């Protein structure tokens, strides 16, 4: 009885996370004008120290390693591709969980992996929304084991802006400052 409820609960949490993400994204669009005003105010701020690596930048490695111009569509396309890949991954994990031949340990590992994917998606979404709320047009965050890459839709970042982004990422993930890279779209 409990085994049948877990996949339902996990799928329900994933659906709920998706709905919250859509609602949050719509909310952020409405506050975009306020965020743009904040961005203008931030440019006037005094520049401060920064520990984050600034990378001027269509895989993650190419973006973070090369100086390529990124189109506005990149952010939309990447999110769609990321969501599609994660959905496929969750579907594979659900198949493992639902398979009656799967042993208990493997089933448990698959359920934990699904939960971790949901948590990872939520962290990335929260960080992206917090950064957009600071006045940036858009941002993509890649969270990996032990490091984070962020691509901000901006031609240039002041040290204060980069430090602000770095601080958000650090607070939400606990990842050390030297493991956070920030790229701009040129």
C-alpha atoms as a PDB file:
ATOM      1  CA  UNK A   1       0.000   0.000   0.000  1.00  0.00           C
ATOM      2  CA  UNK A   2       2.809   2.440   0.966  1.00  0.00           C
ATOM      3  CA  UNK A   3       4.835   1.553  -2.158  1.00  0.00           C
ATOM      4  CA  UNK A   4       1.938   2.587  -4.384  1.00  0.00           C
ATOM      5  CA  UNK A   5       1.518   5.905  -2.598  1.00  0.00           C
ATOM      6  CA  UNK A   6       5.160   7.011  -2.918  1.00  0.00           C
ATOM      7  CA  UNK A   7       5.214   7.334  -6.729  1.00  0.00           C
ATOM      8  CA  UNK A   8       1.902   9.178  -6.606  1.00  0.00           C
ATOM      9  CA  UNK A   9       3.247  11.537  -3.960  1.00  0.00           C
ATOM     10  CA  UNK A  10       6.470  12.126  -5.884  1.00  0.00           C
ATOM     11  CA  UNK A  11       4.639  12.760  -9.157  1.00  0.00           C
ATOM     12  CA  UNK A  12       2.253  15.083  -7.320  1.00  0.00           C
ATOM     13  CA  UNK A  13       5.211  17.003  -5.887  1.00  0.00           C
ATOM     14  CA  UNK A  14       6.771  17.309  -9.344  1.00  0.00           C
ATOM     15  CA  UNK A  15       3.497  18.586 -10.826  1.00  0.00           C
ATOM     16  CA  UNK A  16       3.096  20.987  -7.912  1.00  0.00           C
ATOM     17  CA  UNK A  17       6.656  22.234  -8.417  1.00  0.00           C
ATOM     18  CA  UNK A  18       5.958  22.822 -12.102  1.00  0.00           C
ATOM     19  CA  UNK A  19       2.748  24.753 -11.327  1.00  0.00           C
ATOM     20  CA  UNK A  20       4.548  26.855  -8.722  1.00  0.00           C
ATOM     21  CA  UNK A  21       7.320  27.532 -11.233  1.00  0.00           C
ATOM     22  CA  UNK A  22       4.860  28.712 -13.886  1.00  0.00           C
ATOM     23  CA  UNK A  23       3.032  30.922 -11.405  1.00  0.00           C
ATOM     24  CA  UNK A  24       6.304  32.313 -10.097  1.00  0.00           C
ATOM     25  CA  UNK A  25       7.522  33.020 -13.625  1.00  0.00           C
ATOM     26  CA  UNK A  26       4.286  34.880 -14.413  1.00  0.00           C
ATOM     27  CA  UNK A  27       4.634  36.848 -11.187  1.00  0.00           C
ATOM     28  CA  UNK A  28       8.187  37.779 -12.095  1.00  0.00           C
ATOM     29  CA  UNK A  29       7.089  39.084 -15.497  1.00  0.00           C
ATOM     30  CA  UNK A  30       4.648  41.453 -13.790  1.00  0.00           C
ATOM     31  CA  UNK A  31       7.391  42.755 -11.540  1.00  0.00           C
ATOM     32  CA  UNK A  32       9.885  43.136 -14.378  1.00  0.00           C
ATOM     33  CA  UNK A  33       9.407  46.897 -14.567  1.00  0.00           C
ATOM     34  CA  UNK A  34      10.147  47.232 -10.875  1.00  0.00           C
ATOM     35  CA  UNK A  35      13.215  45.088 -11.357  1.00  0.00           C
ATOM     36  CA  UNK A  36      14.432  47.303 -14.224  1.00  0.00           C
ATOM     37  CA  UNK A  37      14.180  50.313 -11.934  1.00  0.00           C
ATOM     38  CA  UNK A  38      16.201  48.442  -9.321  1.00  0.00           C
ATOM     39  CA  UNK A  39      18.819  47.621 -11.972  1.00  0.00           C
ATOM     40  CA  UNK A  40      19.283  51.306 -12.730  1.00  0.00           C
ATOM     41  CA  UNK A  41      19.724  51.986  -9.018  1.00  0.00           C
ATOM     42  CA  UNK A  42      22.211  49.133  -8.692  1.00  0.00           C
ATOM     43  CA  UNK A  43      24.410  50.613 -11.405  1.00  0.00           C
ATOM     44  CA  UNK A  44      24.748  53.689  -9.263  1.00  0.00           C
ATOM     45  CA  UNK A  45      25.943  51.653  -6.287  1.00  0.00           C
ATOM     46  CA  UNK A  46      29.555  51.714  -5.244  1.00  0.00           C
ATOM     47  CA  UNK A  47      31.550  48.831  -6.652  1.00  0.00           C
ATOM     48  CA  UNK A  48      32.666  46.284  -4.088  1.00  0.00           C
ATOM     49  CA  UNK A  49      35.034  43.327  -3.942  1.00  0.00           C
ATOM     50  CA  UNK A  50      34.196  40.149  -5.767  1.00  0.00           C
ATOM     51  CA  UNK A  51      35.377  36.593  -5.479  1.00  0.00           C
ATOM     52  CA  UNK A  52      33.249  35.159  -8.278  1.00  0.00           C
ATOM     53  CA  UNK A  53      34.943  34.439 -11.554  1.00  0.00           C
ATOM     54  CA  UNK A  54      33.483  36.573 -14.346  1.00  0.00           C
ATOM     55  CA  UNK A  55      33.377  34.788 -17.680  1.00  0.00           C
ATOM     56  CA  UNK A  56      32.335  36.633 -20.831  1.00  0.00           C
ATOM     57  CA  UNK A  57      30.309  34.441 -22.929  1.00  0.00           C
ATOM     58  CA  UNK A  58      25.848  26.059 -26.804  1.00  0.00           C
ATOM     59  CA  UNK A  59      26.428  23.530 -24.344  1.00  0.00           C
ATOM     60  CA  UNK A  60      27.258  24.609 -20.853  1.00  0.00           C
ATOM     61  CA  UNK A  61      30.973  23.963 -21.376  1.00  0.00           C
ATOM     62  CA  UNK A  62      31.045  26.065 -24.572  1.00  0.00           C
ATOM     63  CA  UNK A  63      29.163  28.919 -22.962  1.00  0.00           C
ATOM     64  CA  UNK A  64      31.313  29.004 -19.872  1.00  0.00           C
ATOM     65  CA  UNK A  65      34.600  28.429 -21.759  1.00  0.00           C
ATOM     66  CA  UNK A  66      34.165  30.554 -24.889  1.00  0.00           C
ATOM     67  CA  UNK A  67      33.128  34.130 -25.558  1.00  0.00           C
ATOM     68  CA  UNK A  68      30.007  33.498 -27.601  1.00  0.00           C
ATOM     69  CA  UNK A  69      27.138  35.905 -27.949  1.00  0.00           C
ATOM     70  CA  UNK A  70      23.980  34.409 -26.520  1.00  0.00           C
ATOM     71  CA  UNK A  71      20.586  35.287 -27.962  1.00  0.00           C
ATOM     72  CA  UNK A  72      17.523  36.077 -25.875  1.00  0.00           C
ATOM     73  CA  UNK A  73      16.011  32.808 -27.109  1.00  0.00           C
ATOM     74  CA  UNK A  74      18.831  30.881 -25.457  1.00  0.00           C
ATOM     75  CA  UNK A  75      17.291  31.358 -22.024  1.00  0.00           C
ATOM     76  CA  UNK A  76      13.887  30.079 -23.132  1.00  0.00           C
ATOM     77  CA  UNK A  77      15.327  27.239 -25.201  1.00  0.00           C
ATOM     78  CA  UNK A  78      17.673  26.128 -22.436  1.00  0.00           C
ATOM     79  CA  UNK A  79      14.904  26.056 -19.827  1.00  0.00           C
ATOM     80  CA  UNK A  80      12.689  24.019 -22.147  1.00  0.00           C
ATOM     81  CA  UNK A  81      15.508  21.592 -22.906  1.00  0.00           C
ATOM     82  CA  UNK A  82      16.455  21.313 -19.227  1.00  0.00           C
ATOM     83  CA  UNK A  83      12.827  20.624 -18.250  1.00  0.00           C
ATOM     84  CA  UNK A  84      12.459  18.086 -21.065  1.00  0.00           C
ATOM     85  CA  UNK A  85      15.622  16.233 -20.037  1.00  0.00           C
ATOM     86  CA  UNK A  86      14.645  16.201 -16.382  1.00  0.00           C
ATOM     87  CA  UNK A  87      11.149  14.985 -17.233  1.00  0.00           C
ATOM     88  CA  UNK A  88      12.652  12.127 -19.220  1.00  0.00           C
ATOM     89  CA  UNK A  89      14.981  11.326 -16.344  1.00  0.00           C
ATOM     90  CA  UNK A  90      12.071  11.354 -13.868  1.00  0.00           C
ATOM     91  CA  UNK A  91      10.054   9.125 -16.207  1.00  0.00           C
ATOM     92  CA  UNK A  92      12.892   6.590 -16.317  1.00  0.00           C
ATOM     93  CA  UNK A  93      13.156   6.676 -12.534  1.00  0.00           C
ATOM     94  CA  UNK A  94       9.390   6.241 -12.214  1.00  0.00           C
ATOM     95  CA  UNK A  95       9.612   3.159 -14.436  1.00  0.00           C
ATOM     96  CA  UNK A  96      12.245   1.731 -12.112  1.00  0.00           C
ATOM     97  CA  UNK A  97      10.101   2.457  -9.057  1.00  0.00           C
ATOM     98  CA  UNK A  98       6.939   1.018 -10.619  1.00  0.00           C
ATOM     99  CA  UNK A  99       8.622  -2.131 -11.946  1.00  0.00           C
ATOM    100  CA  UNK A 100       7.631  -5.032  -9.688  1.00  0.00           C
ATOM    101  CA  UNK A 101      10.937  -6.787 -10.434  1.00  0.00           C
ATOM    102  CA  UNK A 102      12.967  -3.907  -9.014  1.00  0.00           C
ATOM    103  CA  UNK A 103      14.610  -4.717  -5.703  1.00  0.00           C
ATOM    104  CA  UNK A 104      13.889  -2.543  -2.673  1.00  0.00           C
ATOM    105  CA  UNK A 105      17.318  -0.878  -2.590  1.00  0.00           C
ATOM    106  CA  UNK A 106      17.195   0.138  -6.265  1.00  0.00           C
ATOM    107  CA  UNK A 107      13.631   1.370  -5.866  1.00  0.00           C
ATOM    108  CA  UNK A 108      14.693   3.461  -2.878  1.00  0.00           C
ATOM    109  CA  UNK A 109      17.659   4.904  -4.795  1.00  0.00           C
ATOM    110  CA  UNK A 110      15.382   5.821  -7.715  1.00  0.00           C
ATOM    111  CA  UNK A 111      12.924   7.541  -5.385  1.00  0.00           C
ATOM    112  CA  UNK A 112      15.754   9.465  -3.722  1.00  0.00           C
ATOM    113  CA  UNK A 113      17.085  10.494  -7.129  1.00  0.00           C
ATOM    114  CA  UNK A 114      13.628  11.796  -8.112  1.00  0.00           C
ATOM    115  CA  UNK A 115      13.437  13.803  -4.904  1.00  0.00           C
ATOM    116  CA  UNK A 116      16.944  15.183  -5.523  1.00  0.00           C
ATOM    117  CA  UNK A 117      15.955  16.230  -9.057  1.00  0.00           C
ATOM    118  CA  UNK A 118      12.929  18.079  -7.704  1.00  0.00           C
ATOM    119  CA  UNK A 119      15.080  19.826  -5.082  1.00  0.00           C
ATOM    120  CA  UNK A 120      17.702  20.736  -7.691  1.00  0.00           C
ATOM    121  CA  UNK A 121      15.054  22.166 -10.014  1.00  0.00           C
ATOM    122  CA  UNK A 122      13.552  24.150  -7.173  1.00  0.00           C
ATOM    123  CA  UNK A 123      16.945  25.583  -6.135  1.00  0.00           C
ATOM    124  CA  UNK A 124      17.762  26.622  -9.684  1.00  0.00           C
ATOM    125  CA  UNK A 125      14.333  28.216 -10.103  1.00  0.00           C
ATOM    126  CA  UNK A 126      14.574  30.097  -6.790  1.00  0.00           C
ATOM    127  CA  UNK A 127      18.083  31.383  -7.575  1.00  0.00           C
ATOM    128  CA  UNK A 128      17.066  32.454 -11.088  1.00  0.00           C
ATOM    129  CA  UNK A 129      14.004  34.284  -9.758  1.00  0.00           C
ATOM    130  CA  UNK A 130      15.967  35.985  -6.970  1.00  0.00           C
ATOM    131  CA  UNK A 131      18.549  37.211  -9.471  1.00  0.00           C
ATOM    132  CA  UNK A 132      15.836  38.442 -11.865  1.00  0.00           C
ATOM    133  CA  UNK A 133      14.190  40.211  -8.927  1.00  0.00           C
ATOM    134  CA  UNK A 134      17.428  42.183  -8.518  1.00  0.00           C
ATOM    135  CA  UNK A 135      16.772  43.755 -11.913  1.00  0.00           C
ATOM    136  CA  UNK A 136      18.468  41.478 -14.415  1.00  0.00           C
ATOM    137  CA  UNK A 137      16.565  40.602 -17.587  1.00  0.00           C
ATOM    138  CA  UNK A 138      17.195  36.882 -17.381  1.00  0.00           C
ATOM    139  CA  UNK A 139      19.559  34.279 -15.964  1.00  0.00           C
ATOM    140  CA  UNK A 140      20.232  30.559 -16.240  1.00  0.00           C
ATOM    141  CA  UNK A 141      21.775  28.680 -13.323  1.00  0.00           C
ATOM    142  CA  UNK A 142      23.536  25.310 -13.600  1.00  0.00           C
ATOM    143  CA  UNK A 143      23.970  23.561 -10.257  1.00  0.00           C
ATOM    144  CA  UNK A 144      26.383  20.636 -10.255  1.00  0.00           C
ATOM    145  CA  UNK A 145      28.121  18.621  -7.579  1.00  0.00           C
ATOM    146  CA  UNK A 146      30.165  21.214  -5.774  1.00  0.00           C
ATOM    147  CA  UNK A 147      29.968  24.131  -8.203  1.00  0.00           C
ATOM    148  CA  UNK A 148      27.535  26.543  -9.855  1.00  0.00           C
ATOM    149  CA  UNK A 149      27.597  28.368 -13.177  1.00  0.00           C
ATOM    150  CA  UNK A 150      25.305  31.315 -13.870  1.00  0.00           C
ATOM    151  CA  UNK A 151      24.733  33.034 -17.203  1.00  0.00           C
ATOM    152  CA  UNK A 152      23.255  36.508 -16.829  1.00  0.00           C
ATOM    153  CA  UNK A 153      21.551  38.409 -19.637  1.00  0.00           C
ATOM    154  CA  UNK A 154      23.759  41.472 -19.357  1.00  0.00           C
ATOM    155  CA  UNK A 155      26.500  42.983 -21.459  1.00  0.00           C
ATOM    156  CA  UNK A 156      28.645  43.769 -18.445  1.00  0.00           C
ATOM    157  CA  UNK A 157      28.444  43.285 -14.694  1.00  0.00           C
ATOM    158  CA  UNK A 158      29.863  45.648 -12.137  1.00  0.00           C
ATOM    159  CA  UNK A 159      31.745  44.075  -9.275  1.00  0.00           C
ATOM    160  CA  UNK A 160      28.814  44.967  -6.997  1.00  0.00           C
ATOM    161  CA  UNK A 161      26.307  43.235  -9.287  1.00  0.00           C
ATOM    162  CA  UNK A 162      28.489  40.136  -9.596  1.00  0.00           C
ATOM    163  CA  UNK A 163      28.940  40.053  -5.819  1.00  0.00           C
ATOM    164  CA  UNK A 164      25.171  40.308  -5.394  1.00  0.00           C
ATOM    165  CA  UNK A 165      24.613  37.338  -7.733  1.00  0.00           C
ATOM    166  CA  UNK A 166      27.385  35.407  -6.037  1.00  0.00           C
ATOM    167  CA  UNK A 167      25.850  36.087  -2.621  1.00  0.00           C
ATOM    168  CA  UNK A 168      22.421  34.817  -3.735  1.00  0.00           C
ATOM    169  CA  UNK A 169      23.933  31.615  -5.114  1.00  0.00           C
ATOM    170  CA  UNK A 170      26.064  31.083  -2.022  1.00  0.00           C
ATOM    171  CA  UNK A 171      23.142  31.568   0.365  1.00  0.00           C
ATOM    172  CA  UNK A 172      20.816  29.254  -1.568  1.00  0.00           C
ATOM    173  CA  UNK A 173      23.316  26.458  -2.255  1.00  0.00           C
ATOM    174  CA  UNK A 174      26.011  26.759   0.406  1.00  0.00           C
ATOM    175  CA  UNK A 175      28.630  26.364  -2.327  1.00  0.00           C
ATOM    176  CA  UNK A 176      31.850  28.271  -1.651  1.00  0.00           C
ATOM    177  CA  UNK A 177      32.516  31.500  -3.523  1.00  0.00           C
ATOM    178  CA  UNK A 178      35.467  30.098  -5.475  1.00  0.00           C
ATOM    179  CA  UNK A 179      33.193  27.440  -6.994  1.00  0.00           C
ATOM    180  CA  UNK A 180      30.766  29.994  -8.462  1.00  0.00           C
ATOM    181  CA  UNK A 181      31.273  31.229 -12.045  1.00  0.00           C
ATOM    182  CA  UNK A 182      29.261  34.035 -13.595  1.00  0.00           C
ATOM    183  CA  UNK A 183      29.081  34.628 -17.338  1.00  0.00           C
ATOM    184  CA  UNK A 184      27.474  37.461 -19.259  1.00  0.00           C
ATOM    185  CA  UNK A 185      25.856  37.414 -22.687  1.00  0.00           C
ATOM    186  CA  UNK A 186      28.209  40.071 -24.127  1.00  0.00           C
END
